[in-house]
Each structure stands twice: as structure tokens, then as C-alpha cells.
Amino acid sequence: MNIKQLDAVNAYSQATKQMQPGGLGARDGADGVKADSAFGALVDQAVGDVQKATTTAEVTSAKALVDQADMVDVVTAVSNAEMVVDTVISVRDKVISAYNDILKMPI
């Protein structure tokens, strides 16, 4: 892993912690405003999908180590996790690109 990957892992970890019940959301704070939006729900779902897929891949890999799972299952679970993460990264990149385009617009 290089530094950029570690930074990404840490950022996703912090985002996941903030999305847990009782954690602070993006707009939670002193003003007491809770950010409940369709985009927020989409982000919650995407992070949940990533967590579920990576957990499934880890469990399947662990089962394969003790001969309780076939290698085909491991490869399928890891490929699925990779696809889910790649999808979330693509959406993130598009959102950042759109945000940069908005910043470039004249007022």
C-alpha cells in the first residue's frame, strides 16, 4: 500500500465512524441541524454496501483458510468487493469533478 491508499482508507474509516448512530454527521454540530437528504441517504447506502462487501470477502477468505469455502467463492467475494469499491470511488470522483465545475462558474 502506498501513502495515498492509506490516506483513503483512513478517510473512509473516519467517514464511516461519522455515519454511525450517535456519530456527528456532516452538518451536525452546535446549530443542531441534522443533515437528512437524499444525497446523504445515498452516501450512507454506498458506505454500507462497501462495508458489507468487504466483510463478506474477509469472512469468505477466512473460511477458505480452514477449508470451509471454495476458492471460487473467495474470488467471487473479492471481485464483488472490488467492484463495489470501484463504483463508490467513481461516484466520488464525479462528485468532486462537478463541485470543481461549480467553483469555476462565474457568479
N, C-alpha and C. Protein backbone atom coordinates (compact mmCIF):
# COMPACT_ATOMS: atom_id res chain seq x y z
N MET A 1 0.84 -1.19 0.00
CA MET A 1 0.00 0.00 0.00
C MET A 1 0.88 1.24 0.00
N ASN A 2 0.50 2.20 -0.78
CA ASN A 2 1.25 3.44 -0.74
C ASN A 2 0.51 4.44 0.16
N ILE A 3 1.09 5.61 0.30
CA ILE A 3 0.56 6.61 1.22
C ILE A 3 -0.84 7.06 0.81
N LYS A 4 -1.08 7.24 -0.49
CA LYS A 4 -2.39 7.69 -0.94
C LYS A 4 -3.48 6.67 -0.58
N GLN A 5 -3.16 5.39 -0.71
CA GLN A 5 -4.13 4.36 -0.35
C GLN A 5 -4.41 4.38 1.15
N LEU A 6 -3.37 4.57 1.95
CA LEU A 6 -3.56 4.63 3.39
C LEU A 6 -4.40 5.85 3.78
N ASP A 7 -4.14 6.97 3.12
CA ASP A 7 -4.94 8.17 3.38
C ASP A 7 -6.41 7.92 3.03
N ALA A 8 -6.65 7.25 1.91
CA ALA A 8 -8.02 6.95 1.50
C ALA A 8 -8.69 6.02 2.50
N VAL A 9 -7.96 5.02 2.95
CA VAL A 9 -8.52 4.10 3.94
C VAL A 9 -8.87 4.84 5.22
N ASN A 10 -7.98 5.71 5.67
CA ASN A 10 -8.25 6.49 6.88
C ASN A 10 -9.44 7.42 6.70
N ALA A 11 -9.54 8.05 5.53
CA ALA A 11 -10.66 8.96 5.28
C ALA A 11 -11.98 8.20 5.27
N TYR A 12 -12.01 7.03 4.62
CA TYR A 12 -13.24 6.24 4.61
C TYR A 12 -13.59 5.74 6.01
N SER A 13 -12.56 5.41 6.77
CA SER A 13 -12.79 4.95 8.15
C SER A 13 -13.43 6.07 8.98
N GLN A 14 -12.91 7.28 8.85
CA GLN A 14 -13.47 8.41 9.59
C GLN A 14 -14.88 8.71 9.12
N ALA A 15 -15.13 8.62 7.83
CA ALA A 15 -16.48 8.87 7.31
C ALA A 15 -17.46 7.83 7.83
N THR A 16 -17.01 6.60 7.89
CA THR A 16 -17.87 5.53 8.40
C THR A 16 -18.20 5.76 9.86
N LYS A 17 -17.21 6.17 10.64
CA LYS A 17 -17.44 6.44 12.06
C LYS A 17 -18.44 7.57 12.24
N GLN A 18 -18.37 8.59 11.39
CA GLN A 18 -19.29 9.72 11.49
C GLN A 18 -20.70 9.33 11.12
N MET A 19 -20.85 8.32 10.29
CA MET A 19 -22.18 7.92 9.85
C MET A 19 -22.85 6.94 10.80
N GLN A 20 -22.11 6.44 11.77
CA GLN A 20 -22.69 5.52 12.73
C GLN A 20 -23.68 6.27 13.63
N PRO A 21 -24.71 5.59 14.12
CA PRO A 21 -25.65 6.24 15.02
C PRO A 21 -24.92 6.82 16.23
N GLY A 22 -25.23 8.06 16.54
CA GLY A 22 -24.58 8.73 17.65
C GLY A 22 -23.36 9.52 17.22
N GLY A 23 -22.87 9.26 15.99
CA GLY A 23 -21.72 10.00 15.49
C GLY A 23 -22.17 11.33 14.92
N LEU A 24 -21.22 12.21 14.71
CA LEU A 24 -21.56 13.51 14.15
C LEU A 24 -21.66 13.40 12.64
N GLY A 25 -22.69 13.95 12.08
CA GLY A 25 -22.85 13.97 10.64
C GLY A 25 -22.17 15.19 10.06
N ALA A 26 -22.34 15.39 8.76
CA ALA A 26 -21.67 16.49 8.09
C ALA A 26 -22.14 17.85 8.60
N ARG A 27 -23.44 17.98 8.93
CA ARG A 27 -23.94 19.27 9.36
C ARG A 27 -24.35 19.28 10.82
N ASP A 28 -24.15 18.16 11.53
CA ASP A 28 -24.47 18.14 12.95
C ASP A 28 -23.44 19.00 13.68
N GLY A 29 -23.88 19.66 14.68
CA GLY A 29 -22.93 20.47 15.44
C GLY A 29 -23.67 21.38 16.39
N ALA A 30 -23.09 22.54 16.61
CA ALA A 30 -23.64 23.47 17.58
C ALA A 30 -25.02 23.97 17.18
N ASP A 31 -25.29 24.07 15.86
CA ASP A 31 -26.59 24.56 15.43
C ASP A 31 -27.68 23.50 15.56
N GLY A 32 -27.30 22.25 15.78
CA GLY A 32 -28.28 21.18 15.99
C GLY A 32 -29.02 20.77 14.75
N VAL A 33 -28.56 21.18 13.58
CA VAL A 33 -29.22 20.83 12.33
C VAL A 33 -28.73 19.46 11.89
N LYS A 34 -29.65 18.57 11.66
CA LYS A 34 -29.32 17.21 11.20
C LYS A 34 -29.48 17.18 9.68
N ALA A 35 -28.46 16.70 8.99
CA ALA A 35 -28.50 16.65 7.53
C ALA A 35 -29.21 15.38 7.07
N ASP A 36 -30.48 15.46 6.74
CA ASP A 36 -31.24 14.34 6.21
C ASP A 36 -31.62 14.68 4.78
N SER A 37 -30.90 14.10 3.83
CA SER A 37 -31.18 14.40 2.44
C SER A 37 -31.07 13.12 1.62
N ALA A 38 -31.52 13.20 0.41
CA ALA A 38 -31.43 12.04 -0.48
C ALA A 38 -29.98 11.72 -0.77
N PHE A 39 -29.15 12.74 -0.92
CA PHE A 39 -27.73 12.51 -1.18
C PHE A 39 -27.07 11.85 0.04
N GLY A 40 -27.44 12.31 1.22
CA GLY A 40 -26.91 11.70 2.44
C GLY A 40 -27.30 10.24 2.55
N ALA A 41 -28.54 9.94 2.19
CA ALA A 41 -29.00 8.55 2.21
C ALA A 41 -28.24 7.72 1.19
N LEU A 42 -27.95 8.31 0.03
CA LEU A 42 -27.18 7.62 -0.99
C LEU A 42 -25.78 7.31 -0.50
N VAL A 43 -25.16 8.26 0.16
CA VAL A 43 -23.81 8.05 0.70
C VAL A 43 -23.85 6.98 1.79
N ASP A 44 -24.85 7.05 2.66
CA ASP A 44 -25.00 6.02 3.70
C ASP A 44 -25.12 4.63 3.09
N GLN A 45 -25.93 4.52 2.06
CA GLN A 45 -26.14 3.23 1.41
C GLN A 45 -24.85 2.75 0.75
N ALA A 46 -24.12 3.64 0.10
CA ALA A 46 -22.89 3.25 -0.57
C ALA A 46 -21.84 2.77 0.43
N VAL A 47 -21.70 3.48 1.54
CA VAL A 47 -20.75 3.07 2.56
C VAL A 47 -21.18 1.74 3.17
N GLY A 48 -22.46 1.57 3.38
CA GLY A 48 -22.97 0.30 3.89
C GLY A 48 -22.70 -0.85 2.94
N ASP A 49 -22.87 -0.60 1.64
CA ASP A 49 -22.59 -1.63 0.65
C ASP A 49 -21.11 -2.01 0.64
N VAL A 50 -20.24 -1.02 0.78
CA VAL A 50 -18.81 -1.28 0.82
C VAL A 50 -18.46 -2.11 2.06
N GLN A 51 -19.02 -1.72 3.19
CA GLN A 51 -18.75 -2.46 4.43
C GLN A 51 -19.23 -3.91 4.31
N LYS A 52 -20.42 -4.08 3.77
CA LYS A 52 -20.99 -5.43 3.64
C LYS A 52 -20.16 -6.28 2.69
N ALA A 53 -19.76 -5.72 1.56
CA ALA A 53 -18.99 -6.47 0.57
C ALA A 53 -17.61 -6.83 1.10
N THR A 54 -16.95 -5.89 1.76
CA THR A 54 -15.61 -6.20 2.28
C THR A 54 -15.69 -7.19 3.44
N THR A 55 -16.72 -7.09 4.26
CA THR A 55 -16.89 -8.06 5.34
C THR A 55 -17.13 -9.45 4.78
N THR A 56 -17.96 -9.54 3.76
CA THR A 56 -18.22 -10.83 3.12
C THR A 56 -16.94 -11.42 2.53
N ALA A 57 -16.14 -10.58 1.89
CA ALA A 57 -14.88 -11.05 1.31
C ALA A 57 -13.92 -11.54 2.40
N GLU A 58 -13.86 -10.80 3.50
CA GLU A 58 -12.97 -11.20 4.60
C GLU A 58 -13.43 -12.52 5.23
N VAL A 59 -14.73 -12.66 5.45
CA VAL A 59 -15.26 -13.88 6.06
C VAL A 59 -15.04 -15.07 5.13
N THR A 60 -15.29 -14.88 3.86
CA THR A 60 -15.10 -15.97 2.90
C THR A 60 -13.63 -16.35 2.81
N SER A 61 -12.73 -15.37 2.84
CA SER A 61 -11.30 -15.67 2.82
C SER A 61 -10.89 -16.44 4.07
N ALA A 62 -11.40 -16.04 5.20
CA ALA A 62 -11.09 -16.74 6.45
C ALA A 62 -11.61 -18.17 6.42
N LYS A 63 -12.80 -18.37 5.86
CA LYS A 63 -13.35 -19.72 5.75
C LYS A 63 -12.50 -20.58 4.82
N ALA A 64 -11.96 -19.97 3.77
CA ALA A 64 -11.12 -20.72 2.83
C ALA A 64 -9.83 -21.18 3.50
N LEU A 65 -9.34 -20.42 4.44
CA LEU A 65 -8.12 -20.81 5.14
C LEU A 65 -8.29 -22.07 5.96
N VAL A 66 -9.50 -22.32 6.42
CA VAL A 66 -9.78 -23.53 7.21
C VAL A 66 -10.59 -24.54 6.41
N ASP A 67 -10.51 -24.45 5.09
CA ASP A 67 -11.16 -25.38 4.16
C ASP A 67 -12.68 -25.47 4.34
N GLN A 68 -13.31 -24.34 4.62
CA GLN A 68 -14.77 -24.30 4.72
C GLN A 68 -15.40 -23.57 3.54
N ALA A 69 -14.56 -23.04 2.66
CA ALA A 69 -15.07 -22.33 1.48
C ALA A 69 -14.19 -22.68 0.28
N ASP A 70 -14.80 -22.65 -0.87
CA ASP A 70 -14.10 -22.93 -2.11
C ASP A 70 -13.39 -21.67 -2.59
N MET A 71 -12.32 -21.85 -3.35
CA MET A 71 -11.59 -20.69 -3.88
C MET A 71 -12.44 -19.88 -4.84
N VAL A 72 -13.38 -20.52 -5.51
CA VAL A 72 -14.28 -19.79 -6.41
C VAL A 72 -15.11 -18.79 -5.61
N ASP A 73 -15.56 -19.21 -4.42
CA ASP A 73 -16.32 -18.30 -3.55
C ASP A 73 -15.47 -17.13 -3.11
N VAL A 74 -14.20 -17.40 -2.80
CA VAL A 74 -13.29 -16.33 -2.36
C VAL A 74 -13.08 -15.32 -3.49
N VAL A 75 -12.79 -15.83 -4.67
CA VAL A 75 -12.56 -14.95 -5.81
C VAL A 75 -13.81 -14.14 -6.14
N THR A 76 -14.96 -14.76 -6.07
CA THR A 76 -16.22 -14.06 -6.33
C THR A 76 -16.46 -12.96 -5.31
N ALA A 77 -16.23 -13.26 -4.03
CA ALA A 77 -16.46 -12.27 -2.97
C ALA A 77 -15.49 -11.11 -3.09
N VAL A 78 -14.22 -11.42 -3.37
CA VAL A 78 -13.22 -10.35 -3.51
C VAL A 78 -13.51 -9.50 -4.73
N SER A 79 -13.90 -10.13 -5.83
CA SER A 79 -14.24 -9.38 -7.05
C SER A 79 -15.44 -8.48 -6.82
N ASN A 80 -16.43 -8.98 -6.10
CA ASN A 80 -17.60 -8.18 -5.78
C ASN A 80 -17.22 -6.98 -4.92
N ALA A 81 -16.38 -7.21 -3.92
CA ALA A 81 -15.94 -6.11 -3.06
C ALA A 81 -15.17 -5.07 -3.86
N GLU A 82 -14.32 -5.54 -4.76
CA GLU A 82 -13.55 -4.62 -5.60
C GLU A 82 -14.47 -3.79 -6.50
N MET A 83 -15.49 -4.44 -7.06
CA MET A 83 -16.44 -3.73 -7.92
C MET A 83 -17.20 -2.66 -7.15
N VAL A 84 -17.64 -3.00 -5.93
CA VAL A 84 -18.39 -2.04 -5.12
C VAL A 84 -17.50 -0.85 -4.76
N VAL A 85 -16.27 -1.11 -4.36
CA VAL A 85 -15.35 -0.03 -4.01
C VAL A 85 -15.06 0.84 -5.24
N ASP A 86 -14.83 0.21 -6.39
CA ASP A 86 -14.57 0.97 -7.61
C ASP A 86 -15.76 1.85 -7.98
N THR A 87 -16.97 1.35 -7.78
CA THR A 87 -18.17 2.13 -8.07
C THR A 87 -18.25 3.35 -7.16
N VAL A 88 -18.01 3.15 -5.88
CA VAL A 88 -18.05 4.27 -4.94
C VAL A 88 -16.97 5.29 -5.27
N ILE A 89 -15.80 4.83 -5.64
CA ILE A 89 -14.71 5.75 -6.00
C ILE A 89 -15.07 6.53 -7.25
N SER A 90 -15.69 5.88 -8.23
CA SER A 90 -16.10 6.58 -9.46
C SER A 90 -17.13 7.66 -9.16
N VAL A 91 -18.09 7.33 -8.30
CA VAL A 91 -19.10 8.33 -7.94
C VAL A 91 -18.45 9.48 -7.19
N ARG A 92 -17.54 9.17 -6.28
CA ARG A 92 -16.83 10.21 -5.55
C ARG A 92 -16.09 11.14 -6.50
N ASP A 93 -15.40 10.56 -7.49
CA ASP A 93 -14.65 11.37 -8.45
C ASP A 93 -15.58 12.26 -9.27
N LYS A 94 -16.74 11.74 -9.65
CA LYS A 94 -17.71 12.55 -10.41
C LYS A 94 -18.25 13.70 -9.56
N VAL A 95 -18.50 13.44 -8.28
CA VAL A 95 -19.00 14.49 -7.40
C VAL A 95 -17.94 15.57 -7.24
N ILE A 96 -16.70 15.18 -7.07
CA ILE A 96 -15.61 16.16 -6.93
C ILE A 96 -15.46 16.96 -8.22
N SER A 97 -15.56 16.29 -9.35
CA SER A 97 -15.47 16.98 -10.64
C SER A 97 -16.61 18.00 -10.80
N ALA A 98 -17.81 17.59 -10.44
CA ALA A 98 -18.95 18.51 -10.52
C ALA A 98 -18.77 19.69 -9.58
N TYR A 99 -18.27 19.44 -8.39
CA TYR A 99 -18.02 20.52 -7.43
C TYR A 99 -16.98 21.50 -7.98
N ASN A 100 -15.92 20.97 -8.59
CA ASN A 100 -14.89 21.85 -9.18
C ASN A 100 -15.48 22.66 -10.33
N ASP A 101 -16.36 22.05 -11.12
CA ASP A 101 -17.01 22.79 -12.21
C ASP A 101 -17.88 23.92 -11.67
N ILE A 102 -18.57 23.67 -10.58
CA ILE A 102 -19.39 24.71 -9.94
C ILE A 102 -18.51 25.85 -9.44
N LEU A 103 -17.36 25.51 -8.88
CA LEU A 103 -16.45 26.55 -8.38
C LEU A 103 -15.93 27.43 -9.50
N LYS A 104 -15.80 26.87 -10.69
CA LYS A 104 -15.28 27.62 -11.83
C LYS A 104 -16.32 28.53 -12.48
N MET A 105 -17.59 28.33 -12.13
CA MET A 105 -18.64 29.14 -12.74
C MET A 105 -18.57 30.60 -12.27
N PRO A 106 -18.80 31.52 -13.20
CA PRO A 106 -18.83 32.93 -12.79
C PRO A 106 -20.10 33.21 -11.97
N ILE A 107 -19.97 34.13 -11.08
CA ILE A 107 -21.11 34.47 -10.21
C ILE A 107 -22.03 35.44 -10.89
